[in-house]
Amino acid sequence: MLESAYQHCLARELSLRGIPFERERALRYRVDLLVAGVVLVEGKAVEVLCPIHTAQVLTYLRLGGW
């Protein structure tokens, strides 16, 4: 499935449980989900995580000050 489908389902679950979150939070780039202002969620629909995926999340963490 597409990453957006997983993102939508996770957002729905968070809503049902009353957990605050933001979708596609804009920094310089767009973070998939920011949960409770402190947990960054970057969904990937891939078989293997590559170093570029790690670099992407580390960049988001630096830009967001987390």
Protein backbone atom coordinates (compact mmCIF):
# COMPACT_ATOMS: atom_id res chain seq x y z
CA MET A 1 0.00 0.00 0.00
CA LEU A 2 1.01 3.63 -0.32
CA GLU A 3 2.56 5.47 2.60
CA SER A 4 -0.39 7.85 2.59
CA ALA A 5 -2.80 4.97 3.32
CA TYR A 6 -0.80 3.92 6.39
CA GLN A 7 -0.56 7.54 7.48
CA HIS A 8 -4.32 7.96 7.19
CA CYS A 9 -4.99 4.80 9.24
CA LEU A 10 -2.54 5.83 11.97
CA ALA A 11 -4.10 9.29 12.13
CA ARG A 12 -7.53 7.70 12.52
CA GLU A 13 -6.32 5.49 15.39
CA LEU A 14 -4.72 8.45 17.14
CA SER A 15 -7.98 10.40 16.78
CA LEU A 16 -10.06 7.55 18.17
CA ARG A 17 -7.77 7.35 21.20
CA GLY A 18 -7.78 11.10 21.79
CA ILE A 19 -4.03 11.46 21.20
CA PRO A 20 -3.10 14.87 19.80
CA PHE A 21 -1.18 14.93 16.53
CA GLU A 22 -0.44 17.05 13.48
CA ARG A 23 -0.35 15.68 9.93
CA GLU A 24 2.21 16.92 7.45
CA ARG A 25 3.76 19.43 9.83
CA ALA A 26 5.79 21.90 7.78
CA LEU A 27 9.35 22.52 8.80
CA ARG A 28 11.49 23.05 5.76
CA TYR A 29 10.04 19.76 4.61
CA ARG A 30 6.83 17.99 5.62
CA VAL A 31 6.87 15.60 8.57
CA ASP A 32 4.29 12.82 8.17
CA LEU A 33 2.99 12.98 11.74
CA LEU A 34 3.99 14.79 14.88
CA VAL A 35 2.36 13.13 17.89
CA ALA A 36 1.77 15.14 21.05
CA GLY A 37 4.32 17.68 19.84
CA VAL A 38 7.25 15.39 20.63
CA VAL A 39 7.10 12.11 18.68
CA LEU A 40 8.05 12.28 15.02
CA VAL A 41 6.53 9.60 12.78
CA GLU A 42 7.87 9.26 9.25
CA GLY A 43 6.13 6.35 7.55
CA LYS A 44 7.89 4.29 4.91
CA ALA A 45 6.29 1.64 2.71
CA VAL A 46 9.53 -0.10 1.73
CA GLU A 47 11.02 -3.54 2.24
CA VAL A 48 14.31 -2.22 3.60
CA LEU A 49 15.19 1.06 5.27
CA CYS A 50 18.14 2.73 3.57
CA PRO A 51 20.64 5.23 4.96
CA ILE A 52 18.78 8.03 3.14
CA HIS A 53 15.67 7.27 5.23
CA THR A 54 17.69 7.61 8.44
CA ALA A 55 19.23 10.84 7.18
CA GLN A 56 15.76 12.18 6.40
CA VAL A 57 14.49 11.57 9.93
CA LEU A 58 17.65 12.99 11.51
CA THR A 59 17.23 16.11 9.40
CA TYR A 60 13.62 16.48 10.55
CA LEU A 61 14.69 16.06 14.18
CA ARG A 62 17.37 18.74 13.82
CA LEU A 63 15.06 21.18 12.01
CA GLY A 64 12.34 20.71 14.60
CA GLY A 65 14.69 21.06 17.53
CA TRP A 66 13.95 17.59 18.84
